[in-house]
N, C-alpha and C. Protein backbone atom coordinates (compact mmCIF):
# COMPACT_ATOMS: atom_id res chain seq x y z
N MET A 1 -5.36 -65.32 21.97
CA MET A 1 -5.65 -63.94 21.66
C MET A 1 -6.19 -63.24 22.91
N ALA A 2 -5.76 -62.00 23.13
CA ALA A 2 -6.17 -61.25 24.32
C ALA A 2 -7.67 -61.01 24.37
N THR A 3 -8.27 -60.79 23.20
CA THR A 3 -9.72 -60.55 23.15
C THR A 3 -10.49 -61.75 23.65
N ASP A 4 -9.98 -62.97 23.36
CA ASP A 4 -10.64 -64.18 23.85
C ASP A 4 -10.72 -64.17 25.37
N ASN A 5 -9.64 -63.74 26.02
CA ASN A 5 -9.62 -63.67 27.48
C ASN A 5 -10.59 -62.61 27.98
N VAL A 6 -10.65 -61.47 27.30
CA VAL A 6 -11.59 -60.41 27.68
C VAL A 6 -13.02 -60.94 27.59
N VAL A 7 -13.35 -61.59 26.48
CA VAL A 7 -14.69 -62.14 26.29
C VAL A 7 -14.99 -63.17 27.37
N HIS A 8 -14.03 -64.02 27.67
CA HIS A 8 -14.23 -65.05 28.70
C HIS A 8 -14.49 -64.40 30.07
N GLN A 9 -13.69 -63.41 30.43
CA GLN A 9 -13.86 -62.74 31.72
C GLN A 9 -15.20 -62.02 31.80
N LEU A 10 -15.61 -61.38 30.70
CA LEU A 10 -16.92 -60.72 30.67
C LEU A 10 -18.05 -61.74 30.80
N ALA A 11 -17.91 -62.87 30.13
CA ALA A 11 -18.94 -63.92 30.21
C ALA A 11 -19.07 -64.43 31.65
N ILE A 12 -17.96 -64.57 32.35
CA ILE A 12 -18.01 -64.99 33.76
C ILE A 12 -18.77 -63.95 34.59
N ARG A 13 -18.46 -62.67 34.38
CA ARG A 13 -19.13 -61.61 35.13
C ARG A 13 -20.64 -61.58 34.84
N VAL A 14 -20.99 -61.73 33.56
CA VAL A 14 -22.41 -61.78 33.19
C VAL A 14 -23.08 -62.97 33.86
N GLY A 15 -22.43 -64.12 33.80
CA GLY A 15 -22.98 -65.32 34.42
C GLY A 15 -23.19 -65.17 35.91
N ASN A 16 -22.21 -64.59 36.60
CA ASN A 16 -22.35 -64.38 38.04
C ASN A 16 -23.53 -63.48 38.35
N LYS A 17 -23.68 -62.43 37.55
CA LYS A 17 -24.77 -61.47 37.78
C LYS A 17 -26.13 -62.12 37.50
N LEU A 18 -26.23 -62.85 36.38
CA LEU A 18 -27.49 -63.54 36.07
C LEU A 18 -27.84 -64.56 37.15
N HIS A 19 -26.84 -65.29 37.61
CA HIS A 19 -27.06 -66.30 38.66
C HIS A 19 -27.55 -65.63 39.95
N GLU A 20 -26.91 -64.52 40.33
CA GLU A 20 -27.31 -63.77 41.52
C GLU A 20 -28.76 -63.32 41.43
N GLU A 21 -29.14 -62.82 40.25
CA GLU A 21 -30.48 -62.27 40.05
C GLU A 21 -31.52 -63.35 39.72
N ARG A 22 -31.04 -64.61 39.56
CA ARG A 22 -31.91 -65.72 39.17
C ARG A 22 -32.64 -65.45 37.85
N LEU A 23 -31.86 -64.98 36.89
CA LEU A 23 -32.37 -64.67 35.56
C LEU A 23 -31.77 -65.60 34.53
N MET A 24 -32.50 -65.80 33.44
CA MET A 24 -32.03 -66.60 32.32
C MET A 24 -31.79 -65.69 31.12
N LEU A 25 -30.79 -66.04 30.33
CA LEU A 25 -30.38 -65.27 29.16
C LEU A 25 -30.67 -66.02 27.88
N ALA A 26 -31.09 -65.27 26.86
CA ALA A 26 -31.18 -65.79 25.48
C ALA A 26 -30.36 -64.87 24.59
N THR A 27 -29.70 -65.44 23.60
CA THR A 27 -28.93 -64.65 22.64
C THR A 27 -29.52 -64.80 21.25
N ALA A 28 -29.41 -63.74 20.46
CA ALA A 28 -29.79 -63.77 19.04
C ALA A 28 -28.59 -63.17 18.29
N GLU A 29 -27.84 -64.02 17.62
CA GLU A 29 -26.61 -63.57 16.98
C GLU A 29 -26.65 -63.78 15.48
N SER A 30 -26.11 -62.80 14.78
CA SER A 30 -25.95 -62.92 13.34
C SER A 30 -24.46 -62.93 13.01
N CYS A 31 -23.82 -61.77 12.91
CA CYS A 31 -22.42 -61.72 12.46
C CYS A 31 -21.45 -62.43 13.40
N THR A 32 -21.80 -62.57 14.66
CA THR A 32 -20.92 -63.27 15.60
C THR A 32 -21.11 -64.78 15.56
N GLY A 33 -22.12 -65.24 14.88
CA GLY A 33 -22.29 -66.67 14.64
C GLY A 33 -22.30 -67.56 15.87
N GLY A 34 -22.74 -67.03 17.00
CA GLY A 34 -22.81 -67.84 18.22
C GLY A 34 -21.62 -67.65 19.15
N MET A 35 -20.76 -66.66 18.89
CA MET A 35 -19.59 -66.45 19.74
C MET A 35 -19.97 -66.13 21.18
N VAL A 36 -21.02 -65.34 21.37
CA VAL A 36 -21.43 -65.00 22.74
C VAL A 36 -21.96 -66.25 23.43
N ALA A 37 -22.80 -67.00 22.75
CA ALA A 37 -23.31 -68.25 23.33
C ALA A 37 -22.17 -69.21 23.63
N ALA A 38 -21.18 -69.28 22.75
CA ALA A 38 -20.04 -70.17 22.98
C ALA A 38 -19.24 -69.73 24.20
N ALA A 39 -19.01 -68.43 24.34
CA ALA A 39 -18.26 -67.92 25.50
C ALA A 39 -19.01 -68.24 26.79
N ILE A 40 -20.32 -68.13 26.75
CA ILE A 40 -21.13 -68.40 27.92
C ILE A 40 -21.11 -69.89 28.27
N THR A 41 -21.27 -70.73 27.27
CA THR A 41 -21.34 -72.16 27.54
C THR A 41 -19.96 -72.78 27.79
N ASP A 42 -18.90 -72.00 27.61
CA ASP A 42 -17.56 -72.45 28.04
C ASP A 42 -17.46 -72.48 29.56
N ILE A 43 -18.39 -71.83 30.24
CA ILE A 43 -18.37 -71.71 31.70
C ILE A 43 -19.18 -72.84 32.31
N SER A 44 -18.55 -73.60 33.16
CA SER A 44 -19.24 -74.68 33.86
C SER A 44 -20.39 -74.11 34.67
N GLY A 45 -21.54 -74.75 34.60
CA GLY A 45 -22.70 -74.30 35.36
C GLY A 45 -23.55 -73.27 34.63
N SER A 46 -23.17 -72.92 33.41
CA SER A 46 -23.92 -71.88 32.68
C SER A 46 -25.36 -72.29 32.38
N SER A 47 -25.66 -73.57 32.48
CA SER A 47 -27.06 -73.99 32.26
C SER A 47 -27.98 -73.43 33.33
N ASN A 48 -27.41 -72.93 34.43
CA ASN A 48 -28.22 -72.30 35.47
C ASN A 48 -28.71 -70.92 35.07
N TRP A 49 -28.09 -70.31 34.06
CA TRP A 49 -28.47 -68.96 33.68
C TRP A 49 -28.50 -68.69 32.17
N PHE A 50 -28.16 -69.68 31.37
CA PHE A 50 -28.25 -69.52 29.92
C PHE A 50 -29.36 -70.43 29.40
N GLU A 51 -30.41 -69.82 28.84
CA GLU A 51 -31.59 -70.57 28.42
C GLU A 51 -31.43 -71.10 27.00
N ARG A 52 -31.06 -70.24 26.05
CA ARG A 52 -30.85 -70.68 24.66
C ARG A 52 -30.23 -69.58 23.83
N GLY A 53 -29.68 -70.01 22.69
CA GLY A 53 -29.11 -69.07 21.74
C GLY A 53 -29.65 -69.33 20.35
N PHE A 54 -29.92 -68.25 19.65
CA PHE A 54 -30.36 -68.33 18.26
C PHE A 54 -29.25 -67.77 17.39
N VAL A 55 -28.79 -68.55 16.42
CA VAL A 55 -27.87 -68.02 15.41
C VAL A 55 -28.72 -67.81 14.17
N THR A 56 -29.03 -66.55 13.91
CA THR A 56 -29.92 -66.19 12.81
C THR A 56 -29.12 -65.41 11.79
N TYR A 57 -28.29 -66.13 11.08
CA TYR A 57 -27.35 -65.51 10.15
C TYR A 57 -28.07 -64.95 8.92
N SER A 58 -29.01 -65.69 8.37
CA SER A 58 -29.72 -65.21 7.18
C SER A 58 -30.94 -64.39 7.60
N ASN A 59 -31.41 -63.58 6.66
CA ASN A 59 -32.63 -62.81 6.92
C ASN A 59 -33.81 -63.73 7.17
N LEU A 60 -33.90 -64.82 6.42
CA LEU A 60 -34.99 -65.77 6.59
C LEU A 60 -34.96 -66.39 8.00
N ALA A 61 -33.78 -66.70 8.49
CA ALA A 61 -33.67 -67.25 9.85
C ALA A 61 -34.15 -66.24 10.88
N LYS A 62 -33.82 -64.97 10.69
CA LYS A 62 -34.29 -63.94 11.61
C LYS A 62 -35.81 -63.92 11.65
N THR A 63 -36.42 -64.06 10.48
CA THR A 63 -37.87 -64.03 10.38
C THR A 63 -38.49 -65.31 10.94
N GLU A 64 -38.00 -66.46 10.51
CA GLU A 64 -38.60 -67.73 10.92
C GLU A 64 -38.34 -68.09 12.38
N MET A 65 -37.14 -67.87 12.87
CA MET A 65 -36.80 -68.34 14.22
C MET A 65 -37.23 -67.39 15.33
N ILE A 66 -37.11 -66.08 15.08
CA ILE A 66 -37.39 -65.14 16.17
C ILE A 66 -38.40 -64.06 15.81
N GLY A 67 -39.02 -64.20 14.63
CA GLY A 67 -40.14 -63.34 14.29
C GLY A 67 -39.81 -61.93 13.86
N VAL A 68 -38.60 -61.69 13.37
CA VAL A 68 -38.30 -60.35 12.85
C VAL A 68 -39.12 -60.16 11.57
N PRO A 69 -39.93 -59.12 11.50
CA PRO A 69 -40.73 -58.92 10.29
C PRO A 69 -39.85 -58.71 9.05
N ALA A 70 -40.16 -59.43 7.99
CA ALA A 70 -39.40 -59.30 6.74
C ALA A 70 -39.43 -57.85 6.24
N ALA A 71 -40.55 -57.17 6.41
CA ALA A 71 -40.67 -55.78 5.97
C ALA A 71 -39.70 -54.87 6.72
N LEU A 72 -39.44 -55.17 7.99
CA LEU A 72 -38.49 -54.39 8.78
C LEU A 72 -37.08 -54.54 8.20
N ILE A 73 -36.72 -55.77 7.87
CA ILE A 73 -35.41 -56.03 7.27
C ILE A 73 -35.31 -55.33 5.91
N GLU A 74 -36.36 -55.43 5.10
CA GLU A 74 -36.36 -54.79 3.78
C GLU A 74 -36.23 -53.28 3.89
N HIS A 75 -36.91 -52.70 4.85
CA HIS A 75 -36.92 -51.25 4.99
C HIS A 75 -35.63 -50.69 5.58
N HIS A 76 -35.10 -51.34 6.62
CA HIS A 76 -33.94 -50.82 7.34
C HIS A 76 -32.64 -51.56 7.03
N GLY A 77 -32.73 -52.77 6.48
CA GLY A 77 -31.56 -53.61 6.30
C GLY A 77 -31.33 -54.45 7.53
N ALA A 78 -30.72 -55.61 7.34
CA ALA A 78 -30.49 -56.53 8.45
C ALA A 78 -29.58 -55.91 9.51
N VAL A 79 -28.66 -55.07 9.08
CA VAL A 79 -27.75 -54.40 10.01
C VAL A 79 -28.35 -53.03 10.32
N SER A 80 -29.15 -53.01 11.37
CA SER A 80 -29.82 -51.77 11.77
C SER A 80 -30.32 -51.92 13.20
N GLU A 81 -30.52 -50.79 13.85
CA GLU A 81 -31.02 -50.82 15.22
C GLU A 81 -32.45 -51.37 15.30
N PRO A 82 -33.35 -51.03 14.35
CA PRO A 82 -34.69 -51.63 14.44
C PRO A 82 -34.66 -53.16 14.33
N VAL A 83 -33.79 -53.70 13.48
CA VAL A 83 -33.70 -55.16 13.36
C VAL A 83 -33.06 -55.75 14.61
N ALA A 84 -32.03 -55.11 15.15
CA ALA A 84 -31.41 -55.60 16.39
C ALA A 84 -32.45 -55.64 17.51
N ARG A 85 -33.26 -54.58 17.62
CA ARG A 85 -34.32 -54.53 18.64
C ARG A 85 -35.30 -55.70 18.44
N ALA A 86 -35.73 -55.90 17.21
CA ALA A 86 -36.67 -56.98 16.92
C ALA A 86 -36.05 -58.34 17.23
N MET A 87 -34.75 -58.48 17.00
CA MET A 87 -34.07 -59.74 17.31
C MET A 87 -34.05 -59.99 18.82
N ALA A 88 -33.69 -58.96 19.60
CA ALA A 88 -33.62 -59.13 21.06
C ALA A 88 -35.00 -59.43 21.64
N GLU A 89 -35.99 -58.70 21.17
CA GLU A 89 -37.35 -58.92 21.68
C GLU A 89 -37.90 -60.25 21.19
N GLY A 90 -37.56 -60.65 19.98
CA GLY A 90 -37.98 -61.95 19.45
C GLY A 90 -37.34 -63.10 20.19
N ALA A 91 -36.08 -62.93 20.59
CA ALA A 91 -35.41 -63.97 21.38
C ALA A 91 -36.13 -64.19 22.70
N LEU A 92 -36.61 -63.11 23.30
CA LEU A 92 -37.36 -63.25 24.56
C LEU A 92 -38.72 -63.90 24.33
N ARG A 93 -39.41 -63.50 23.27
CA ARG A 93 -40.72 -64.09 22.97
C ARG A 93 -40.62 -65.58 22.67
N ASN A 94 -39.50 -66.00 22.13
CA ASN A 94 -39.33 -67.39 21.71
C ASN A 94 -38.46 -68.19 22.66
N SER A 95 -38.43 -67.76 23.91
CA SER A 95 -37.65 -68.47 24.93
C SER A 95 -38.32 -68.27 26.28
N ARG A 96 -37.70 -68.84 27.29
CA ARG A 96 -38.17 -68.65 28.66
C ARG A 96 -37.24 -67.71 29.43
N ALA A 97 -36.39 -67.02 28.70
CA ALA A 97 -35.42 -66.10 29.32
C ALA A 97 -36.09 -64.79 29.71
N GLN A 98 -35.44 -64.08 30.62
CA GLN A 98 -35.89 -62.76 31.03
C GLN A 98 -35.02 -61.64 30.48
N VAL A 99 -33.84 -62.01 29.96
CA VAL A 99 -32.86 -61.05 29.46
C VAL A 99 -32.35 -61.57 28.12
N SER A 100 -32.11 -60.63 27.17
CA SER A 100 -31.56 -61.07 25.89
C SER A 100 -30.57 -60.05 25.35
N VAL A 101 -29.75 -60.54 24.41
CA VAL A 101 -28.84 -59.68 23.66
C VAL A 101 -28.95 -60.09 22.20
N ALA A 102 -28.86 -59.10 21.31
CA ALA A 102 -28.89 -59.37 19.87
C ALA A 102 -27.75 -58.62 19.21
N ILE A 103 -27.17 -59.26 18.19
CA ILE A 103 -26.02 -58.71 17.47
C ILE A 103 -26.22 -58.95 15.99
N THR A 104 -26.14 -57.89 15.18
CA THR A 104 -26.23 -58.03 13.73
C THR A 104 -25.28 -57.01 13.11
N GLY A 105 -24.44 -57.47 12.19
CA GLY A 105 -23.46 -56.54 11.64
C GLY A 105 -22.78 -57.02 10.38
N VAL A 106 -21.81 -56.21 9.94
CA VAL A 106 -21.01 -56.50 8.76
C VAL A 106 -19.59 -56.77 9.24
N ALA A 107 -19.22 -58.04 9.32
CA ALA A 107 -17.89 -58.41 9.83
C ALA A 107 -16.81 -58.32 8.76
N GLY A 108 -17.18 -58.40 7.50
CA GLY A 108 -16.22 -58.27 6.42
C GLY A 108 -15.57 -59.57 6.03
N PRO A 109 -14.64 -59.56 5.13
CA PRO A 109 -14.14 -58.36 4.46
C PRO A 109 -15.09 -57.81 3.41
N ALA A 110 -16.05 -58.60 2.95
CA ALA A 110 -17.03 -58.12 1.96
C ALA A 110 -18.32 -57.76 2.67
N GLY A 111 -19.25 -57.19 1.93
CA GLY A 111 -20.58 -56.93 2.45
C GLY A 111 -20.82 -55.52 2.93
N GLY A 112 -19.77 -54.72 3.03
CA GLY A 112 -19.95 -53.36 3.49
C GLY A 112 -20.47 -52.45 2.39
N SER A 113 -20.96 -51.30 2.80
CA SER A 113 -21.42 -50.27 1.85
C SER A 113 -20.97 -48.93 2.40
N GLU A 114 -21.23 -47.87 1.63
CA GLU A 114 -20.87 -46.54 2.11
C GLU A 114 -21.65 -46.20 3.39
N ALA A 115 -22.93 -46.57 3.40
CA ALA A 115 -23.78 -46.28 4.56
C ALA A 115 -23.46 -47.19 5.74
N LYS A 116 -23.08 -48.44 5.44
CA LYS A 116 -22.78 -49.42 6.49
C LYS A 116 -21.47 -50.13 6.15
N PRO A 117 -20.35 -49.47 6.47
CA PRO A 117 -19.06 -50.06 6.12
C PRO A 117 -18.76 -51.31 6.96
N VAL A 118 -17.80 -52.08 6.49
CA VAL A 118 -17.34 -53.24 7.25
C VAL A 118 -17.00 -52.77 8.66
N GLY A 119 -17.44 -53.52 9.65
CA GLY A 119 -17.22 -53.17 11.06
C GLY A 119 -18.45 -52.56 11.71
N THR A 120 -19.49 -52.27 10.94
CA THR A 120 -20.73 -51.72 11.49
C THR A 120 -21.50 -52.85 12.15
N VAL A 121 -21.81 -52.68 13.42
CA VAL A 121 -22.53 -53.71 14.17
C VAL A 121 -23.61 -53.03 15.02
N SER A 122 -24.83 -53.53 14.90
CA SER A 122 -25.96 -53.04 15.71
C SER A 122 -26.25 -54.04 16.81
N PHE A 123 -26.55 -53.52 17.99
CA PHE A 123 -26.79 -54.32 19.19
C PHE A 123 -28.13 -53.95 19.80
N ALA A 124 -28.70 -54.90 20.52
CA ALA A 124 -29.87 -54.61 21.37
C ALA A 124 -29.79 -55.50 22.60
N TRP A 125 -30.22 -54.93 23.72
CA TRP A 125 -30.27 -55.65 24.99
C TRP A 125 -31.67 -55.44 25.55
N SER A 126 -32.32 -56.50 25.97
CA SER A 126 -33.70 -56.37 26.43
C SER A 126 -33.93 -57.16 27.71
N ASN A 127 -34.81 -56.62 28.57
CA ASN A 127 -35.20 -57.32 29.79
C ASN A 127 -36.72 -57.42 29.91
N ARG A 128 -37.40 -57.43 28.80
CA ARG A 128 -38.85 -57.49 28.67
C ARG A 128 -39.53 -56.16 29.00
N LEU A 129 -38.93 -55.30 29.79
CA LEU A 129 -39.50 -54.00 30.11
C LEU A 129 -38.85 -52.88 29.31
N HIS A 130 -37.59 -53.07 28.99
CA HIS A 130 -36.80 -52.03 28.32
C HIS A 130 -35.86 -52.69 27.32
N THR A 131 -35.74 -52.08 26.15
CA THR A 131 -34.78 -52.53 25.16
C THR A 131 -33.89 -51.35 24.78
N ALA A 132 -32.59 -51.54 24.94
CA ALA A 132 -31.61 -50.53 24.56
C ALA A 132 -30.96 -50.97 23.25
N VAL A 133 -30.72 -50.01 22.37
CA VAL A 133 -30.09 -50.31 21.09
C VAL A 133 -28.95 -49.33 20.83
N GLU A 134 -27.97 -49.79 20.08
CA GLU A 134 -26.90 -48.89 19.63
C GLU A 134 -26.15 -49.55 18.49
N THR A 135 -25.44 -48.72 17.75
CA THR A 135 -24.61 -49.20 16.65
C THR A 135 -23.18 -48.73 16.88
N GLN A 136 -22.25 -49.62 16.64
CA GLN A 136 -20.82 -49.32 16.78
C GLN A 136 -20.12 -49.58 15.46
N LEU A 137 -18.99 -48.93 15.26
CA LEU A 137 -18.14 -49.19 14.12
C LEU A 137 -16.80 -49.68 14.65
N PHE A 138 -16.50 -50.95 14.42
CA PHE A 138 -15.26 -51.55 14.89
C PHE A 138 -14.24 -51.60 13.76
N LYS A 139 -12.98 -51.52 14.11
CA LYS A 139 -11.89 -51.59 13.14
C LYS A 139 -11.25 -52.97 13.22
N GLY A 140 -10.65 -53.39 12.11
CA GLY A 140 -9.91 -54.64 12.11
C GLY A 140 -10.44 -55.60 11.06
N ASP A 141 -9.87 -56.80 11.08
CA ASP A 141 -10.30 -57.83 10.14
C ASP A 141 -11.55 -58.53 10.68
N ARG A 142 -12.04 -59.50 9.94
CA ARG A 142 -13.28 -60.19 10.30
C ARG A 142 -13.24 -60.75 11.72
N GLU A 143 -12.16 -61.43 12.05
CA GLU A 143 -12.02 -62.03 13.39
C GLU A 143 -12.03 -60.96 14.47
N GLN A 144 -11.34 -59.85 14.22
CA GLN A 144 -11.27 -58.78 15.21
C GLN A 144 -12.63 -58.09 15.40
N VAL A 145 -13.33 -57.86 14.29
CA VAL A 145 -14.66 -57.24 14.39
C VAL A 145 -15.60 -58.14 15.18
N ARG A 146 -15.59 -59.41 14.89
CA ARG A 146 -16.48 -60.35 15.59
C ARG A 146 -16.15 -60.42 17.08
N ALA A 147 -14.86 -60.47 17.42
CA ALA A 147 -14.45 -60.54 18.82
C ALA A 147 -14.82 -59.27 19.57
N GLN A 148 -14.61 -58.11 18.93
CA GLN A 148 -14.98 -56.84 19.56
C GLN A 148 -16.49 -56.77 19.77
N ALA A 149 -17.24 -57.27 18.80
CA ALA A 149 -18.71 -57.25 18.91
C ALA A 149 -19.16 -58.15 20.06
N ALA A 150 -18.57 -59.32 20.20
CA ALA A 150 -18.94 -60.22 21.30
C ALA A 150 -18.65 -59.57 22.65
N ALA A 151 -17.48 -58.95 22.77
CA ALA A 151 -17.12 -58.28 24.03
C ALA A 151 -18.08 -57.13 24.32
N HIS A 152 -18.39 -56.35 23.31
CA HIS A 152 -19.31 -55.22 23.49
C HIS A 152 -20.70 -55.69 23.91
N ALA A 153 -21.15 -56.78 23.30
CA ALA A 153 -22.45 -57.34 23.66
C ALA A 153 -22.49 -57.74 25.13
N LEU A 154 -21.43 -58.36 25.61
CA LEU A 154 -21.37 -58.78 27.01
C LEU A 154 -21.28 -57.58 27.95
N ARG A 155 -20.53 -56.55 27.56
CA ARG A 155 -20.47 -55.33 28.38
C ARG A 155 -21.86 -54.70 28.49
N GLY A 156 -22.59 -54.70 27.38
CA GLY A 156 -23.95 -54.16 27.40
C GLY A 156 -24.88 -54.95 28.30
N LEU A 157 -24.70 -56.27 28.32
CA LEU A 157 -25.49 -57.10 29.25
C LEU A 157 -25.19 -56.73 30.69
N LEU A 158 -23.93 -56.52 31.01
CA LEU A 158 -23.57 -56.11 32.38
C LEU A 158 -24.25 -54.79 32.74
N GLU A 159 -24.23 -53.83 31.81
CA GLU A 159 -24.89 -52.54 32.06
C GLU A 159 -26.38 -52.73 32.29
N LEU A 160 -27.02 -53.55 31.47
CA LEU A 160 -28.45 -53.81 31.62
C LEU A 160 -28.74 -54.43 32.99
N LEU A 161 -27.93 -55.38 33.39
CA LEU A 161 -28.14 -56.06 34.68
C LEU A 161 -27.87 -55.13 35.85
N GLU A 162 -26.87 -54.27 35.72
CA GLU A 162 -26.57 -53.34 36.80
C GLU A 162 -27.64 -52.26 36.92
N ARG A 163 -28.26 -51.90 35.80
CA ARG A 163 -29.34 -50.90 35.79
C ARG A 163 -30.54 -51.42 36.57
N ARG A 164 -30.74 -52.75 36.56
CA ARG A 164 -31.86 -53.36 37.30
C ARG A 164 -31.75 -53.10 38.79
N GLU A 165 -30.54 -52.93 39.29
CA GLU A 165 -30.33 -52.78 40.73
C GLU A 165 -30.67 -51.39 41.24
N ARG A 166 -30.59 -50.41 40.36
CA ARG A 166 -30.79 -49.02 40.81
C ARG A 166 -32.22 -48.67 41.04
């Protein structure tokens, strides 16, 4: 699949940038189920810049593993920018990484609502000083939504790393 190649190429670029900057990455993934971590660890030498990945698919895992407050999930829903932010910041607090990415969404085909239809994915990228968040709506089936989300997460990491240089 072409998206697999895009994700792989983005992971290489992220890895090169992290290695250059001597930074470590942590991931906190929900709907992607570890796809970003898998793309990263497909690259030989990634242990030089990938510290750890959290797959926090359930709400309880988000709370127990990375400290997302249960009240935040109850108030905003697991698929929300506040929860994505808490996931990214929690991944940093619970690791030795300096940079993180978080992904939480509705990959489908079930689980969508009028407010958060299938394809809704919230992201956060953090470097301990700044956390950026955004929500995207992707089209396609479950596999396509997940692949697009993984690629978008990696593009956001590149933007975060390039912002450090300015």
